Amino acid sequence: MTSDIIYEDSHILVCHKPSGIATQSAKIGTPDMVSILKTHIYKNSSVKKEPYLAVIHRLDQPVEGLLVFSKTPAATKELNKQLNNSGFGKIYHAVLTNPLPDEEGTLTDYLIKDGRTNSSKVCSSNTPGSKKAVLFYKSLGNIDFENGISYPLAEITLETGRHHQIRVQLSHAGCPILGDRKYGGMPDYSIQTSLQLFACKLAFKHPKTGKHMEFTLNLP
């Protein structure tokens, strides 16, 4: 797992989360990024006590990509402040089942979460508990899969960070993400694939030095 750590110092840790592993799990004995990274920090520290590691933002369990964690309370406070005030520079790539309506544009919806089913759906703006969701998209052409079919590839930039936001909004727009069984992204059963959503870029200011930090993964 240490090979998936992209950057680490005494304040932060940036890693590449694989698909299928939760950012943080409530189930005892279930591997997640927090437990894996705490083990890494413990093994490489001269101080043999449970390491401090705080979750700043999350990726859905089936989503692959970049995450930053804080290693001190001060770093947690500063990164949370950035996230709440201006957000991080987060860019995703998504393989879609259908083309987007335009080459680039904005999707604005209101979403409500159903905790019983761990899902969200688009609703009206006056629905109690609804939250506004905004994302920007840009077409990146097509990508070929092993079944010989080409699927549209899009770049997604979030303005808000809602539960399952990208998955729900794209599905509502008629172009669900390939491999998304929960939100209708399995139109072709000749291809068995995981959710094709990737957090490929992350940018923020270092919580101690204020230096601009930017990380990119070469993902679809």
C-alpha atoms as a PDB file:
ATOM      1  CA  MET A   1       0.000   0.000   0.000  1.00  0.00           C
ATOM      2  CA  THR A   2       2.939   2.371   0.603  1.00  0.00           C
ATOM      3  CA  SER A   3       3.529   2.489  -3.157  1.00  0.00           C
ATOM      4  CA  ASP A   4       0.160   4.294  -3.422  1.00  0.00           C
ATOM      5  CA  ILE A   5       1.366   7.142  -1.192  1.00  0.00           C
ATOM      6  CA  ILE A   6       2.163  10.015  -3.537  1.00  0.00           C
ATOM      7  CA  TYR A   7       3.307  12.635  -1.027  1.00  0.00           C
ATOM      8  CA  GLU A   8       3.895  12.677   2.714  1.00  0.00           C
ATOM      9  CA  ASP A   9       5.410  15.047   5.256  1.00  0.00           C
ATOM     10  CA  SER A  10       4.814  15.693   8.957  1.00  0.00           C
ATOM     11  CA  HIS A  11       1.549  17.571   8.234  1.00  0.00           C
ATOM     12  CA  ILE A  12      -0.262  15.817   5.349  1.00  0.00           C
ATOM     13  CA  LEU A  13      -0.423  12.616   3.356  1.00  0.00           C
ATOM     14  CA  VAL A  14      -1.682  12.368  -0.230  1.00  0.00           C
ATOM     15  CA  CYS A  15      -2.502   8.935  -1.606  1.00  0.00           C
ATOM     16  CA  HIS A  16      -4.020   7.081  -4.534  1.00  0.00           C
ATOM     17  CA  LYS A  17      -7.115   5.249  -3.271  1.00  0.00           C
ATOM     18  CA  PRO A  18      -7.923   2.074  -5.204  1.00  0.00           C
ATOM     19  CA  SER A  19     -11.447   1.247  -6.285  1.00  0.00           C
ATOM     20  CA  GLY A  20     -13.303  -0.956  -3.828  1.00  0.00           C
ATOM     21  CA  ILE A  21     -11.693   0.316  -0.616  1.00  0.00           C
ATOM     22  CA  ALA A  22     -13.639   2.656   1.651  1.00  0.00           C
ATOM     23  CA  THR A  23     -12.101   5.941   2.771  1.00  0.00           C
ATOM     24  CA  GLN A  24     -13.197   5.103   6.307  1.00  0.00           C
ATOM     25  CA  SER A  25     -15.308   2.155   7.382  1.00  0.00           C
ATOM     26  CA  ALA A  26     -17.509   1.765  10.442  1.00  0.00           C
ATOM     27  CA  LYS A  27     -17.238  -2.031  10.219  1.00  0.00           C
ATOM     28  CA  ILE A  28     -14.649  -3.616  12.509  1.00  0.00           C
ATOM     29  CA  GLY A  29     -12.133  -5.710  10.591  1.00  0.00           C
ATOM     30  CA  THR A  30     -12.939  -4.138   7.235  1.00  0.00           C
ATOM     31  CA  PRO A  31      -9.836  -2.631   5.573  1.00  0.00           C
ATOM     32  CA  ASP A  32     -10.127   1.044   4.713  1.00  0.00           C
ATOM     33  CA  MET A  33      -7.745   3.854   3.807  1.00  0.00           C
ATOM     34  CA  VAL A  34      -7.560   5.226   7.344  1.00  0.00           C
ATOM     35  CA  SER A  35      -6.539   1.892   8.897  1.00  0.00           C
ATOM     36  CA  ILE A  36      -4.097   1.100   6.069  1.00  0.00           C
ATOM     37  CA  LEU A  37      -2.409   4.490   6.292  1.00  0.00           C
ATOM     38  CA  LYS A  38      -2.292   4.490  10.093  1.00  0.00           C
ATOM     39  CA  THR A  39      -0.467   1.160   9.924  1.00  0.00           C
ATOM     40  CA  HIS A  40       2.012   2.668   7.456  1.00  0.00           C
ATOM     41  CA  ILE A  41       2.638   5.711   9.695  1.00  0.00           C
ATOM     42  CA  TYR A  42       3.016   3.542  12.806  1.00  0.00           C
ATOM     43  CA  LYS A  43       5.573   1.240  11.158  1.00  0.00           C
ATOM     44  CA  ASN A  44       7.658   4.210  10.013  1.00  0.00           C
ATOM     45  CA  SER A  45       7.502   6.183  13.269  1.00  0.00           C
ATOM     46  CA  SER A  46       9.827   5.967  16.250  1.00  0.00           C
ATOM     47  CA  VAL A  47       6.882   6.823  18.516  1.00  0.00           C
ATOM     48  CA  LYS A  48       4.928   3.631  19.032  1.00  0.00           C
ATOM     49  CA  LYS A  49       1.413   4.877  19.672  1.00  0.00           C
ATOM     50  CA  GLU A  50      -1.687   5.154  17.499  1.00  0.00           C
ATOM     51  CA  PRO A  51      -0.996   7.830  14.869  1.00  0.00           C
ATOM     52  CA  TYR A  52      -3.212  10.849  14.367  1.00  0.00           C
ATOM     53  CA  LEU A  53      -4.812  10.801  10.908  1.00  0.00           C
ATOM     54  CA  ALA A  54      -7.908  12.817   9.977  1.00  0.00           C
ATOM     55  CA  VAL A  55     -10.219  12.429   6.992  1.00  0.00           C
ATOM     56  CA  ILE A  56     -10.582  15.749   5.138  1.00  0.00           C
ATOM     57  CA  HIS A  57     -12.700  14.621   2.189  1.00  0.00           C
ATOM     58  CA  ARG A  58     -13.947  11.279   0.918  1.00  0.00           C
ATOM     59  CA  LEU A  59     -14.376   9.250  -2.219  1.00  0.00           C
ATOM     60  CA  ASP A  60     -17.190   6.741  -2.640  1.00  0.00           C
ATOM     61  CA  GLN A  61     -15.936   3.185  -2.107  1.00  0.00           C
ATOM     62  CA  PRO A  62     -16.052   2.239  -5.830  1.00  0.00           C
ATOM     63  CA  VAL A  63     -14.307   5.471  -6.908  1.00  0.00           C
ATOM     64  CA  GLU A  64     -10.565   5.447  -7.563  1.00  0.00           C
ATOM     65  CA  GLY A  65      -8.375   8.494  -7.142  1.00  0.00           C
ATOM     66  CA  LEU A  66      -6.633  11.116  -5.028  1.00  0.00           C
ATOM     67  CA  LEU A  67      -7.213  11.795  -1.332  1.00  0.00           C
ATOM     68  CA  VAL A  68      -5.455  14.060   1.163  1.00  0.00           C
ATOM     69  CA  PHE A  69      -5.345  13.303   4.891  1.00  0.00           C
ATOM     70  CA  SER A  70      -4.043  15.495   7.711  1.00  0.00           C
ATOM     71  CA  LYS A  71      -1.521  14.255  10.275  1.00  0.00           C
ATOM     72  CA  THR A  72      -1.950  16.984  12.917  1.00  0.00           C
ATOM     73  CA  PRO A  73      -4.957  18.784  14.436  1.00  0.00           C
ATOM     74  CA  ALA A  74      -3.619  22.116  13.124  1.00  0.00           C
ATOM     75  CA  ALA A  75      -3.447  20.748   9.579  1.00  0.00           C
ATOM     76  CA  THR A  76      -6.976  19.387   9.947  1.00  0.00           C
ATOM     77  CA  LYS A  77      -8.310  22.780  10.975  1.00  0.00           C
ATOM     78  CA  GLU A  78      -6.605  24.582   8.090  1.00  0.00           C
ATOM     79  CA  LEU A  79      -7.557  22.059   5.385  1.00  0.00           C
ATOM     80  CA  ASN A  80     -11.167  21.965   6.576  1.00  0.00           C
ATOM     81  CA  LYS A  81     -11.213  25.758   6.439  1.00  0.00           C
ATOM     82  CA  GLN A  82      -9.996  25.664   2.824  1.00  0.00           C
ATOM     83  CA  LEU A  83     -12.506  22.990   1.905  1.00  0.00           C
ATOM     84  CA  ASN A  84     -15.424  24.903   3.440  1.00  0.00           C
ATOM     85  CA  ASN A  85     -14.448  28.353   2.146  1.00  0.00           C
ATOM     86  CA  SER A  86     -13.163  27.727  -1.370  1.00  0.00           C
ATOM     87  CA  GLY A  87     -13.088  23.987  -1.892  1.00  0.00           C
ATOM     88  CA  PHE A  88     -10.178  21.993  -3.243  1.00  0.00           C
ATOM     89  CA  GLY A  89      -9.306  21.934  -6.930  1.00  0.00           C
ATOM     90  CA  LYS A  90     -10.873  18.535  -7.598  1.00  0.00           C
ATOM     91  CA  ILE A  91     -11.246  17.230 -11.137  1.00  0.00           C
ATOM     92  CA  TYR A  92     -12.746  13.880 -12.101  1.00  0.00           C
ATOM     93  CA  HIS A  93     -12.823  11.819 -15.274  1.00  0.00           C
ATOM     94  CA  ALA A  94     -15.968   9.807 -15.977  1.00  0.00           C
ATOM     95  CA  VAL A  95     -16.715   7.258 -18.693  1.00  0.00           C
ATOM     96  CA  LEU A  96     -20.360   7.673 -19.656  1.00  0.00           C
ATOM     97  CA  THR A  97     -22.948   5.392 -21.203  1.00  0.00           C
ATOM     98  CA  ASN A  98     -24.362   8.200 -23.383  1.00  0.00           C
ATOM     99  CA  PRO A  99     -22.953  11.491 -24.704  1.00  0.00           C
ATOM    100  CA  LEU A 100     -23.408  14.712 -22.760  1.00  0.00           C
ATOM    101  CA  PRO A 101     -25.934  17.228 -24.136  1.00  0.00           C
ATOM    102  CA  ASP A 102     -23.166  19.707 -25.107  1.00  0.00           C
ATOM    103  CA  GLU A 103     -19.393  19.794 -25.463  1.00  0.00           C
ATOM    104  CA  GLU A 104     -19.250  21.626 -22.135  1.00  0.00           C
ATOM    105  CA  GLY A 105     -21.746  23.027 -19.694  1.00  0.00           C
ATOM    106  CA  THR A 106     -23.145  23.171 -16.177  1.00  0.00           C
ATOM    107  CA  LEU A 107     -25.551  20.871 -14.366  1.00  0.00           C
ATOM    108  CA  THR A 108     -27.527  22.418 -11.502  1.00  0.00           C
ATOM    109  CA  ASP A 109     -29.923  20.286  -9.454  1.00  0.00           C
ATOM    110  CA  TYR A 110     -31.268  19.855  -5.941  1.00  0.00           C
ATOM    111  CA  LEU A 111     -30.474  16.543  -4.259  1.00  0.00           C
ATOM    112  CA  ILE A 112     -31.815  14.712  -1.248  1.00  0.00           C
ATOM    113  CA  LYS A 113     -30.133  11.771   0.457  1.00  0.00           C
ATOM    114  CA  ASP A 114     -31.875   8.585   1.569  1.00  0.00           C
ATOM    115  CA  GLY A 115     -29.832   7.166   4.429  1.00  0.00           C
ATOM    116  CA  ARG A 116     -31.740   3.879   4.396  1.00  0.00           C
ATOM    117  CA  THR A 117     -30.585   3.006   0.876  1.00  0.00           C
ATOM    118  CA  ASN A 118     -27.353   5.049   0.902  1.00  0.00           C
ATOM    119  CA  SER A 119     -28.469   6.814  -2.265  1.00  0.00           C
ATOM    120  CA  SER A 120     -29.443  10.294  -3.403  1.00  0.00           C
ATOM    121  CA  LYS A 121     -31.908  11.565  -5.970  1.00  0.00           C
ATOM    122  CA  VAL A 122     -32.822  14.786  -7.744  1.00  0.00           C
ATOM    123  CA  CYS A 123     -35.748  16.622  -6.186  1.00  0.00           C
ATOM    124  CA  SER A 124     -37.402  20.045  -6.250  1.00  0.00           C
ATOM    125  CA  SER A 125     -35.736  23.012  -4.578  1.00  0.00           C
ATOM    126  CA  ASN A 126     -38.482  23.244  -1.945  1.00  0.00           C
ATOM    127  CA  THR A 127     -38.135  19.622  -0.799  1.00  0.00           C
ATOM    128  CA  PRO A 128     -37.271  19.569   2.921  1.00  0.00           C
ATOM    129  CA  GLY A 129     -33.623  18.624   3.371  1.00  0.00           C
ATOM    130  CA  SER A 130     -32.674  19.225  -0.254  1.00  0.00           C
ATOM    131  CA  LYS A 131     -29.264  20.672  -1.121  1.00  0.00           C
ATOM    132  CA  LYS A 132     -28.161  22.505  -4.254  1.00  0.00           C
ATOM    133  CA  ALA A 133     -25.663  20.617  -6.420  1.00  0.00           C
ATOM    134  CA  VAL A 134     -23.584  22.221  -9.177  1.00  0.00           C
ATOM    135  CA  LEU A 135     -20.978  20.661 -11.451  1.00  0.00           C
ATOM    136  CA  PHE A 136     -19.213  21.656 -14.658  1.00  0.00           C
ATOM    137  CA  TYR A 137     -18.520  19.167 -17.442  1.00  0.00           C
ATOM    138  CA  LYS A 138     -16.391  19.064 -20.570  1.00  0.00           C
ATOM    139  CA  SER A 139     -16.304  16.370 -23.237  1.00  0.00           C
ATOM    140  CA  LEU A 140     -12.940  14.655 -23.738  1.00  0.00           C
ATOM    141  CA  GLY A 141     -13.972  12.590 -26.764  1.00  0.00           C
ATOM    142  CA  ASN A 142     -14.354   8.810 -26.605  1.00  0.00           C
ATOM    143  CA  ILE A 143     -12.498   5.939 -25.005  1.00  0.00           C
ATOM    144  CA  ASP A 144     -12.393   2.372 -26.397  1.00  0.00           C
ATOM    145  CA  PHE A 145     -13.151  -0.669 -24.258  1.00  0.00           C
ATOM    146  CA  GLU A 146     -12.188  -4.280 -24.807  1.00  0.00           C
ATOM    147  CA  ASN A 147     -15.652  -5.165 -26.057  1.00  0.00           C
ATOM    148  CA  GLY A 148     -14.971  -2.966 -29.078  1.00  0.00           C
ATOM    149  CA  ILE A 149     -17.408  -0.237 -28.087  1.00  0.00           C
ATOM    150  CA  SER A 150     -16.416   3.391 -27.594  1.00  0.00           C
ATOM    151  CA  TYR A 151     -17.858   5.314 -24.660  1.00  0.00           C
ATOM    152  CA  PRO A 152     -17.867   9.093 -24.070  1.00  0.00           C
ATOM    153  CA  LEU A 153     -15.228  10.423 -21.673  1.00  0.00           C
ATOM    154  CA  ALA A 154     -15.892  13.600 -19.680  1.00  0.00           C
ATOM    155  CA  GLU A 155     -14.015  15.867 -17.311  1.00  0.00           C
ATOM    156  CA  ILE A 156     -16.042  16.879 -14.258  1.00  0.00           C
ATOM    157  CA  THR A 157     -15.322  19.778 -11.902  1.00  0.00           C
ATOM    158  CA  LEU A 158     -17.377  20.073  -8.723  1.00  0.00           C
ATOM    159  CA  GLU A 159     -18.587  23.377  -7.334  1.00  0.00           C
ATOM    160  CA  THR A 160     -20.433  21.635  -4.493  1.00  0.00           C
ATOM    161  CA  GLY A 161     -19.734  18.351  -2.741  1.00  0.00           C
ATOM    162  CA  ARG A 162     -22.942  16.365  -2.252  1.00  0.00           C
ATOM    163  CA  HIS A 163     -23.523  12.684  -1.552  1.00  0.00           C
ATOM    164  CA  HIS A 164     -23.016  10.726  -4.811  1.00  0.00           C
ATOM    165  CA  GLN A 165     -23.342  14.064  -6.624  1.00  0.00           C
ATOM    166  CA  ILE A 166     -21.550  13.296  -9.897  1.00  0.00           C
ATOM    167  CA  ARG A 167     -23.229   9.911 -10.229  1.00  0.00           C
ATOM    168  CA  VAL A 168     -26.730  11.248  -9.521  1.00  0.00           C
ATOM    169  CA  GLN A 169     -26.517  14.377 -11.672  1.00  0.00           C
ATOM    170  CA  LEU A 170     -25.062  12.606 -14.699  1.00  0.00           C
ATOM    171  CA  SER A 171     -27.661   9.856 -14.432  1.00  0.00           C
ATOM    172  CA  HIS A 172     -30.441  12.446 -14.189  1.00  0.00           C
ATOM    173  CA  ALA A 173     -29.026  14.141 -17.316  1.00  0.00           C
ATOM    174  CA  GLY A 174     -29.435  10.870 -19.242  1.00  0.00           C
ATOM    175  CA  CYS A 175     -25.772   9.846 -19.292  1.00  0.00           C
ATOM    176  CA  PRO A 176     -25.040   7.660 -16.245  1.00  0.00           C
ATOM    177  CA  ILE A 177     -21.478   6.586 -15.536  1.00  0.00           C
ATOM    178  CA  LEU A 178     -20.437   3.254 -17.016  1.00  0.00           C
ATOM    179  CA  GLY A 179     -20.410   0.523 -14.376  1.00  0.00           C
ATOM    180  CA  ASP A 180     -22.680   2.415 -11.976  1.00  0.00           C
ATOM    181  CA  ARG A 181     -25.176  -0.264 -11.015  1.00  0.00           C
ATOM    182  CA  LYS A 182     -26.867   1.956  -8.441  1.00  0.00           C
ATOM    183  CA  TYR A 183     -27.690   4.777 -10.855  1.00  0.00           C
ATOM    184  CA  GLY A 184     -28.335   3.004 -14.132  1.00  0.00           C
ATOM    185  CA  GLY A 185     -24.892   2.753 -15.704  1.00  0.00           C
ATOM    186  CA  MET A 186     -25.019  -0.873 -16.866  1.00  0.00           C
ATOM    187  CA  PRO A 187     -26.626  -0.779 -20.324  1.00  0.00           C
ATOM    188  CA  ASP A 188     -24.300  -3.326 -21.886  1.00  0.00           C
ATOM    189  CA  TYR A 189     -23.802  -6.563 -19.993  1.00  0.00           C
ATOM    190  CA  SER A 190     -21.164  -7.772 -22.464  1.00  0.00           C
ATOM    191  CA  ILE A 191     -18.704  -5.644 -20.476  1.00  0.00           C
ATOM    192  CA  GLN A 192     -18.219  -6.278 -16.771  1.00  0.00           C
ATOM    193  CA  THR A 193     -16.578  -3.219 -15.310  1.00  0.00           C
ATOM    194  CA  SER A 194     -16.261  -1.319 -12.069  1.00  0.00           C
ATOM    195  CA  LEU A 195     -17.582   2.210 -11.671  1.00  0.00           C
ATOM    196  CA  GLN A 196     -15.721   4.316 -14.245  1.00  0.00           C
ATOM    197  CA  LEU A 197     -15.298   7.461 -12.136  1.00  0.00           C
ATOM    198  CA  PHE A 198     -11.810   8.663 -11.232  1.00  0.00           C
ATOM    199  CA  ALA A 199     -10.603  11.528  -9.025  1.00  0.00           C
ATOM    200  CA  CYS A 200      -7.613  12.463 -11.158  1.00  0.00           C
ATOM    201  CA  LYS A 201      -6.593  15.931  -9.932  1.00  0.00           C
ATOM    202  CA  LEU A 202      -6.360  17.536  -6.499  1.00  0.00           C
ATOM    203  CA  ALA A 203      -5.094  21.020  -5.600  1.00  0.00           C
ATOM    204  CA  PHE A 204      -4.933  22.906  -2.289  1.00  0.00           C
ATOM    205  CA  LYS A 205      -2.605  25.076  -0.192  1.00  0.00           C
ATOM    206  CA  HIS A 206      -0.238  23.331   2.185  1.00  0.00           C
ATOM    207  CA  PRO A 207      -1.732  23.827   5.665  1.00  0.00           C
ATOM    208  CA  LYS A 208       1.612  24.844   7.202  1.00  0.00           C
ATOM    209  CA  THR A 209       3.600  26.617   4.459  1.00  0.00           C
ATOM    210  CA  GLY A 210       0.740  27.941   2.299  1.00  0.00           C
ATOM    211  CA  LYS A 211       2.483  26.540  -0.790  1.00  0.00           C
ATOM    212  CA  HIS A 212       0.253  25.584  -3.711  1.00  0.00           C
ATOM    213  CA  MET A 213       0.090  21.788  -3.909  1.00  0.00           C
ATOM    214  CA  GLU A 214      -1.206  20.052  -7.020  1.00  0.00           C
ATOM    215  CA  PHE A 215      -1.360  16.326  -7.761  1.00  0.00           C
ATOM    216  CA  THR A 216      -2.448  14.536 -10.934  1.00  0.00           C
ATOM    217  CA  LEU A 217      -3.019  10.877 -11.776  1.00  0.00           C
ATOM    218  CA  ASN A 218      -3.023   9.523 -15.313  1.00  0.00           C
ATOM    219  CA  LEU A 219      -6.414   7.844 -15.151  1.00  0.00           C
ATOM    220  CA  PRO A 220      -8.981   7.353 -17.935  1.00  0.00           C
END
